[in-house]
Amino acid sequence: IFLFPSDYFNPKKADTAYLEQVACM
């Protein structure tokens, strides 16, 4: 499982800086 920092305003979504990595994973 890959664990990413959440978005400050949306704690259920990954920080925008990591969205591409999230999608690829």
PDB file of all heavy atoms in Angstrom:
ATOM      1  N   ILE A   1       0.846  -1.188   0.000  1.00  0.00           N
ATOM      2  CA  ILE A   1       0.000   0.000   0.000  1.00  0.00           C
ATOM      3  C   ILE A   1       0.887   1.246   0.000  1.00  0.00           C
ATOM      4  O   ILE A   1       1.861   1.328   0.751  1.00  0.00           O
ATOM      5  CB  ILE A   1      -0.925   0.025   1.237  1.00  0.00           C
ATOM      6  CG1 ILE A   1      -1.946  -1.104   1.160  1.00  0.00           C
ATOM      7  CG2 ILE A   1      -1.630   1.373   1.356  1.00  0.00           C
ATOM      8  CD1 ILE A   1      -2.841  -1.205   2.381  1.00  0.00           C
ATOM      9  N   PHE A   2       0.570   2.215  -0.848  1.00  0.00           N
ATOM     10  CA  PHE A   2       1.323   3.460  -0.909  1.00  0.00           C
ATOM     11  C   PHE A   2       0.518   4.558  -0.221  1.00  0.00           C
ATOM     12  O   PHE A   2      -0.633   4.810  -0.570  1.00  0.00           O
ATOM     13  CB  PHE A   2       1.650   3.813  -2.360  1.00  0.00           C
ATOM     14  CG  PHE A   2       2.654   2.880  -2.957  1.00  0.00           C
ATOM     15  CD1 PHE A   2       2.246   1.684  -3.542  1.00  0.00           C
ATOM     16  CD2 PHE A   2       4.008   3.168  -2.895  1.00  0.00           C
ATOM     17  CE1 PHE A   2       3.174   0.794  -4.066  1.00  0.00           C
ATOM     18  CE2 PHE A   2       4.941   2.282  -3.422  1.00  0.00           C
ATOM     19  CZ  PHE A   2       4.529   1.091  -4.001  1.00  0.00           C
ATOM     20  N   LEU A   3       1.155   5.195   0.755  1.00  0.00           N
ATOM     21  CA  LEU A   3       0.493   6.183   1.601  1.00  0.00           C
ATOM     22  C   LEU A   3       0.968   7.595   1.251  1.00  0.00           C
ATOM     23  O   LEU A   3       2.157   7.897   1.330  1.00  0.00           O
ATOM     24  CB  LEU A   3       0.804   5.876   3.072  1.00  0.00           C
ATOM     25  CG  LEU A   3       0.214   6.802   4.129  1.00  0.00           C
ATOM     26  CD1 LEU A   3      -1.320   6.739   4.097  1.00  0.00           C
ATOM     27  CD2 LEU A   3       0.735   6.424   5.520  1.00  0.00           C
ATOM     28  N   PHE A   4       0.021   8.447   0.866  1.00  0.00           N
ATOM     29  CA  PHE A   4       0.339   9.810   0.423  1.00  0.00           C
ATOM     30  C   PHE A   4      -0.224  10.852   1.394  1.00  0.00           C
ATOM     31  O   PHE A   4      -1.227  10.592   2.075  1.00  0.00           O
ATOM     32  CB  PHE A   4      -0.255  10.055  -0.964  1.00  0.00           C
ATOM     33  CG  PHE A   4       0.358   9.225  -2.056  1.00  0.00           C
ATOM     34  CD1 PHE A   4      -0.143   7.961  -2.361  1.00  0.00           C
ATOM     35  CD2 PHE A   4       1.442   9.694  -2.781  1.00  0.00           C
ATOM     36  CE1 PHE A   4       0.421   7.177  -3.363  1.00  0.00           C
ATOM     37  CE2 PHE A   4       2.014   8.933  -3.790  1.00  0.00           C
ATOM     38  CZ  PHE A   4       1.509   7.670  -4.079  1.00  0.00           C
ATOM     39  N   PRO A   5       0.378  12.040   1.436  1.00  0.00           N
ATOM     40  CA  PRO A   5      -0.196  13.120   2.250  1.00  0.00           C
ATOM     41  C   PRO A   5      -1.536  13.541   1.668  1.00  0.00           C
ATOM     42  O   PRO A   5      -1.700  13.599   0.452  1.00  0.00           O
ATOM     43  CB  PRO A   5       0.823  14.258   2.117  1.00  0.00           C
ATOM     44  CG  PRO A   5       2.064  13.630   1.571  1.00  0.00           C
ATOM     45  CD  PRO A   5       1.620  12.458   0.761  1.00  0.00           C
ATOM     46  N   SER A   6      -2.468  13.834   2.540  1.00  0.00           N
ATOM     47  CA  SER A   6      -3.783  14.253   2.070  1.00  0.00           C
ATOM     48  C   SER A   6      -3.782  15.742   1.736  1.00  0.00           C
ATOM     49  O   SER A   6      -2.943  16.507   2.207  1.00  0.00           O
ATOM     50  CB  SER A   6      -4.853  13.965   3.124  1.00  0.00           C
ATOM     51  OG  SER A   6      -4.610  14.722   4.294  1.00  0.00           O
ATOM     52  N   ASP A   7      -4.745  16.134   0.913  1.00  0.00           N
ATOM     53  CA  ASP A   7      -4.939  17.541   0.591  1.00  0.00           C
ATOM     54  C   ASP A   7      -5.428  18.265   1.847  1.00  0.00           C
ATOM     55  O   ASP A   7      -6.270  17.758   2.585  1.00  0.00           O
ATOM     56  CB  ASP A   7      -5.984  17.664  -0.531  1.00  0.00           C
ATOM     57  CG  ASP A   7      -6.197  19.091  -0.955  1.00  0.00           C
ATOM     58  OD1 ASP A   7      -5.434  19.565  -1.798  1.00  0.00           O
ATOM     59  OD2 ASP A   7      -7.131  19.730  -0.427  1.00  0.00           O
ATOM     60  N   TYR A   8      -4.891  19.449   2.073  1.00  0.00           N
ATOM     61  CA  TYR A   8      -5.229  20.191   3.298  1.00  0.00           C
ATOM     62  C   TYR A   8      -6.724  20.461   3.407  1.00  0.00           C
ATOM     63  O   TYR A   8      -7.308  20.388   4.485  1.00  0.00           O
ATOM     64  CB  TYR A   8      -4.450  21.507   3.335  1.00  0.00           C
ATOM     65  CG  TYR A   8      -4.661  22.304   4.588  1.00  0.00           C
ATOM     66  CD1 TYR A   8      -3.967  21.994   5.756  1.00  0.00           C
ATOM     67  CD2 TYR A   8      -5.565  23.372   4.612  1.00  0.00           C
ATOM     68  CE1 TYR A   8      -4.159  22.724   6.914  1.00  0.00           C
ATOM     69  CE2 TYR A   8      -5.771  24.111   5.770  1.00  0.00           C
ATOM     70  CZ  TYR A   8      -5.069  23.780   6.921  1.00  0.00           C
ATOM     71  OH  TYR A   8      -5.269  24.501   8.080  1.00  0.00           O
ATOM     72  N   PHE A   9      -7.365  20.766   2.274  1.00  0.00           N
ATOM     73  CA  PHE A   9      -8.780  21.127   2.285  1.00  0.00           C
ATOM     74  C   PHE A   9      -9.705  19.932   2.049  1.00  0.00           C
ATOM     75  O   PHE A   9     -10.912  20.024   2.243  1.00  0.00           O
ATOM     76  CB  PHE A   9      -9.056  22.199   1.228  1.00  0.00           C
ATOM     77  CG  PHE A   9      -8.290  23.474   1.460  1.00  0.00           C
ATOM     78  CD1 PHE A   9      -7.181  23.780   0.700  1.00  0.00           C
ATOM     79  CD2 PHE A   9      -8.682  24.346   2.461  1.00  0.00           C
ATOM     80  CE1 PHE A   9      -6.468  24.943   0.921  1.00  0.00           C
ATOM     81  CE2 PHE A   9      -7.977  25.523   2.694  1.00  0.00           C
ATOM     82  CZ  PHE A   9      -6.862  25.818   1.923  1.00  0.00           C
ATOM     83  N   ASN A  10      -9.138  18.815   1.611  1.00  0.00           N
ATOM     84  CA  ASN A  10      -9.931  17.610   1.371  1.00  0.00           C
ATOM     85  C   ASN A  10      -9.155  16.407   1.898  1.00  0.00           C
ATOM     86  O   ASN A  10      -8.392  15.787   1.168  1.00  0.00           O
ATOM     87  CB  ASN A  10     -10.224  17.447  -0.120  1.00  0.00           C
ATOM     88  CG  ASN A  10     -11.158  16.277  -0.388  1.00  0.00           C
ATOM     89  OD1 ASN A  10     -11.495  15.500   0.515  1.00  0.00           O
ATOM     90  ND2 ASN A  10     -11.592  16.135  -1.630  1.00  0.00           N
ATOM     91  N   PRO A  11      -9.328  16.058   3.164  1.00  0.00           N
ATOM     92  CA  PRO A  11      -8.534  15.011   3.814  1.00  0.00           C
ATOM     93  C   PRO A  11      -8.730  13.607   3.251  1.00  0.00           C
ATOM     94  O   PRO A  11      -7.997  12.696   3.618  1.00  0.00           O
ATOM     95  CB  PRO A  11      -8.992  15.071   5.281  1.00  0.00           C
ATOM     96  CG  PRO A  11     -10.346  15.715   5.236  1.00  0.00           C
ATOM     97  CD  PRO A  11     -10.284  16.685   4.110  1.00  0.00           C
ATOM     98  N   LYS A  12      -9.695  13.442   2.342  1.00  0.00           N
ATOM     99  CA  LYS A  12      -9.902  12.127   1.742  1.00  0.00           C
ATOM    100  C   LYS A  12      -9.227  11.993   0.380  1.00  0.00           C
ATOM    101  O   LYS A  12      -9.302  10.950  -0.262  1.00  0.00           O
ATOM    102  CB  LYS A  12     -11.405  11.842   1.609  1.00  0.00           C
ATOM    103  CG  LYS A  12     -12.116  11.690   2.949  1.00  0.00           C
ATOM    104  CD  LYS A  12     -13.579  11.315   2.756  1.00  0.00           C
ATOM    105  CE  LYS A  12     -14.272  11.129   4.104  1.00  0.00           C
ATOM    106  NZ  LYS A  12     -15.699  10.741   3.936  1.00  0.00           N
ATOM    107  N   LYS A  13      -8.551  13.076  -0.032  1.00  0.00           N
ATOM    108  CA  LYS A  13      -7.902  13.098  -1.347  1.00  0.00           C
ATOM    109  C   LYS A  13      -6.419  13.401  -1.179  1.00  0.00           C
ATOM    110  O   LYS A  13      -6.018  14.131  -0.270  1.00  0.00           O
ATOM    111  CB  LYS A  13      -8.566  14.181  -2.217  1.00  0.00           C
ATOM    112  CG  LYS A  13      -8.012  14.296  -3.625  1.00  0.00           C
ATOM    113  CD  LYS A  13      -8.731  15.418  -4.372  1.00  0.00           C
ATOM    114  CE  LYS A  13      -8.180  15.596  -5.770  1.00  0.00           C
ATOM    115  NZ  LYS A  13      -8.851  16.708  -6.495  1.00  0.00           N
ATOM    116  N   ALA A  14      -5.580  12.832  -2.049  1.00  0.00           N
ATOM    117  CA  ALA A  14      -4.140  13.066  -1.970  1.00  0.00           C
ATOM    118  C   ALA A  14      -3.803  14.505  -2.345  1.00  0.00           C
ATOM    119  O   ALA A  14      -4.516  15.148  -3.136  1.00  0.00           O
ATOM    120  CB  ALA A  14      -3.393  12.106  -2.886  1.00  0.00           C
ATOM    121  N   ASP A  15      -2.716  15.011  -1.778  1.00  0.00           N
ATOM    122  CA  ASP A  15      -2.214  16.331  -2.132  1.00  0.00           C
ATOM    123  C   ASP A  15      -1.986  16.392  -3.652  1.00  0.00           C
ATOM    124  O   ASP A  15      -1.527  15.427  -4.257  1.00  0.00           O
ATOM    125  CB  ASP A  15      -0.893  16.580  -1.386  1.00  0.00           C
ATOM    126  CG  ASP A  15      -0.386  17.995  -1.550  1.00  0.00           C
ATOM    127  OD1 ASP A  15       0.108  18.314  -2.645  1.00  0.00           O
ATOM    128  OD2 ASP A  15      -0.470  18.772  -0.585  1.00  0.00           O
ATOM    129  N   THR A  16      -2.284  17.529  -4.235  1.00  0.00           N
ATOM    130  CA  THR A  16      -2.199  17.658  -5.695  1.00  0.00           C
ATOM    131  C   THR A  16      -0.802  17.353  -6.243  1.00  0.00           C
ATOM    132  O   THR A  16      -0.666  16.906  -7.377  1.00  0.00           O
ATOM    133  CB  THR A  16      -2.600  19.079  -6.133  1.00  0.00           C
ATOM    134  OG1 THR A  16      -1.811  20.038  -5.421  1.00  0.00           O
ATOM    135  CG2 THR A  16      -4.071  19.340  -5.853  1.00  0.00           C
ATOM    136  N   ALA A  17       0.229  17.558  -5.436  1.00  0.00           N
ATOM    137  CA  ALA A  17       1.604  17.302  -5.884  1.00  0.00           C
ATOM    138  C   ALA A  17       1.845  15.827  -6.171  1.00  0.00           C
ATOM    139  O   ALA A  17       2.786  15.479  -6.893  1.00  0.00           O
ATOM    140  CB  ALA A  17       2.600  17.798  -4.843  1.00  0.00           C
ATOM    141  N   TYR A  18       0.985  14.960  -5.625  1.00  0.00           N
ATOM    142  CA  TYR A  18       1.201  13.513  -5.765  1.00  0.00           C
ATOM    143  C   TYR A  18       0.113  12.802  -6.567  1.00  0.00           C
ATOM    144  O   TYR A  18       0.116  11.578  -6.671  1.00  0.00           O
ATOM    145  CB  TYR A  18       1.316  12.874  -4.368  1.00  0.00           C
ATOM    146  CG  TYR A  18       2.526  13.333  -3.622  1.00  0.00           C
ATOM    147  CD1 TYR A  18       2.445  14.380  -2.717  1.00  0.00           C
ATOM    148  CD2 TYR A  18       3.772  12.755  -3.841  1.00  0.00           C
ATOM    149  CE1 TYR A  18       3.564  14.833  -2.034  1.00  0.00           C
ATOM    150  CE2 TYR A  18       4.899  13.190  -3.171  1.00  0.00           C
ATOM    151  CZ  TYR A  18       4.794  14.225  -2.273  1.00  0.00           C
ATOM    152  OH  TYR A  18       5.910  14.672  -1.621  1.00  0.00           O
ATOM    153  N   LEU A  19      -0.812  13.554  -7.157  1.00  0.00           N
ATOM    154  CA  LEU A  19      -1.933  12.927  -7.859  1.00  0.00           C
ATOM    155  C   LEU A  19      -1.487  12.043  -9.023  1.00  0.00           C
ATOM    156  O   LEU A  19      -2.080  10.988  -9.280  1.00  0.00           O
ATOM    157  CB  LEU A  19      -2.908  13.998  -8.358  1.00  0.00           C
ATOM    158  CG  LEU A  19      -3.717  14.713  -7.267  1.00  0.00           C
ATOM    159  CD1 LEU A  19      -4.627  15.769  -7.885  1.00  0.00           C
ATOM    160  CD2 LEU A  19      -4.546  13.699  -6.463  1.00  0.00           C
ATOM    161  N   GLU A  20      -0.436  12.458  -9.734  1.00  0.00           N
ATOM    162  CA  GLU A  20       0.035  11.652 -10.871  1.00  0.00           C
ATOM    163  C   GLU A  20       0.600  10.318 -10.381  1.00  0.00           C
ATOM    164  O   GLU A  20       0.326   9.271 -10.981  1.00  0.00           O
ATOM    165  CB  GLU A  20       1.095  12.407 -11.661  1.00  0.00           C
ATOM    166  CG  GLU A  20       1.498  11.692 -12.951  1.00  0.00           C
ATOM    167  CD  GLU A  20       2.513  12.470 -13.775  1.00  0.00           C
ATOM    168  OE1 GLU A  20       3.045  13.483 -13.278  1.00  0.00           O
ATOM    169  OE2 GLU A  20       2.780  12.059 -14.921  1.00  0.00           O
ATOM    170  N   GLN A  21       1.348  10.346  -9.293  1.00  0.00           N
ATOM    171  CA  GLN A  21       1.875   9.103  -8.740  1.00  0.00           C
ATOM    172  C   GLN A  21       0.750   8.206  -8.235  1.00  0.00           C
ATOM    173  O   GLN A  21       0.783   6.989  -8.424  1.00  0.00           O
ATOM    174  CB  GLN A  21       2.857   9.394  -7.603  1.00  0.00           C
ATOM    175  CG  GLN A  21       4.176   9.976  -8.053  1.00  0.00           C
ATOM    176  CD  GLN A  21       5.161  10.138  -6.913  1.00  0.00           C
ATOM    177  OE1 GLN A  21       5.356   9.219  -6.119  1.00  0.00           O
ATOM    178  NE2 GLN A  21       5.787  11.296  -6.820  1.00  0.00           N
ATOM    179  N   VAL A  22      -0.237   8.810  -7.592  1.00  0.00           N
ATOM    180  CA  VAL A  22      -1.393   8.044  -7.105  1.00  0.00           C
ATOM    181  C   VAL A  22      -2.083   7.322  -8.263  1.00  0.00           C
ATOM    182  O   VAL A  22      -2.374   6.122  -8.192  1.00  0.00           O
ATOM    183  CB  VAL A  22      -2.399   8.969  -6.382  1.00  0.00           C
ATOM    184  CG1 VAL A  22      -3.707   8.220  -6.109  1.00  0.00           C
ATOM    185  CG2 VAL A  22      -1.808   9.481  -5.081  1.00  0.00           C
ATOM    186  N   ALA A  23      -2.332   8.043  -9.348  1.00  0.00           N
ATOM    187  CA  ALA A  23      -3.019   7.463 -10.507  1.00  0.00           C
ATOM    188  C   ALA A  23      -2.211   6.317 -11.107  1.00  0.00           C
ATOM    189  O   ALA A  23      -2.770   5.265 -11.446  1.00  0.00           O
ATOM    190  CB  ALA A  23      -3.272   8.537 -11.556  1.00  0.00           C
ATOM    191  N   CYS A  24      -0.909   6.509 -11.217  1.00  0.00           N
ATOM    192  CA  CYS A  24      -0.056   5.462 -11.794  1.00  0.00           C
ATOM    193  C   CYS A  24      -0.039   4.217 -10.913  1.00  0.00           C
ATOM    194  O   CYS A  24      -0.078   3.084 -11.415  1.00  0.00           O
ATOM    195  CB  CYS A  24       1.358   5.983 -11.994  1.00  0.00           C
ATOM    196  SG  CYS A  24       1.520   7.138 -13.360  1.00  0.00           S
ATOM    197  N   MET A  25       0.055   4.425  -9.616  1.00  0.00           N
ATOM    198  CA  MET A  25       0.051   3.290  -8.691  1.00  0.00           C
ATOM    199  C   MET A  25      -1.256   2.520  -8.765  1.00  0.00           C
ATOM    200  O   MET A  25      -1.279   1.283  -8.808  1.00  0.00           O
ATOM    201  CB  MET A  25       0.289   3.781  -7.254  1.00  0.00           C
ATOM    202  CG  MET A  25       1.701   4.282  -6.977  1.00  0.00           C
ATOM    203  SD  MET A  25       2.921   2.945  -7.110  1.00  0.00           S
ATOM    204  CE  MET A  25       4.426   3.834  -6.700  1.00  0.00           C
TER     205      MET A  25
END
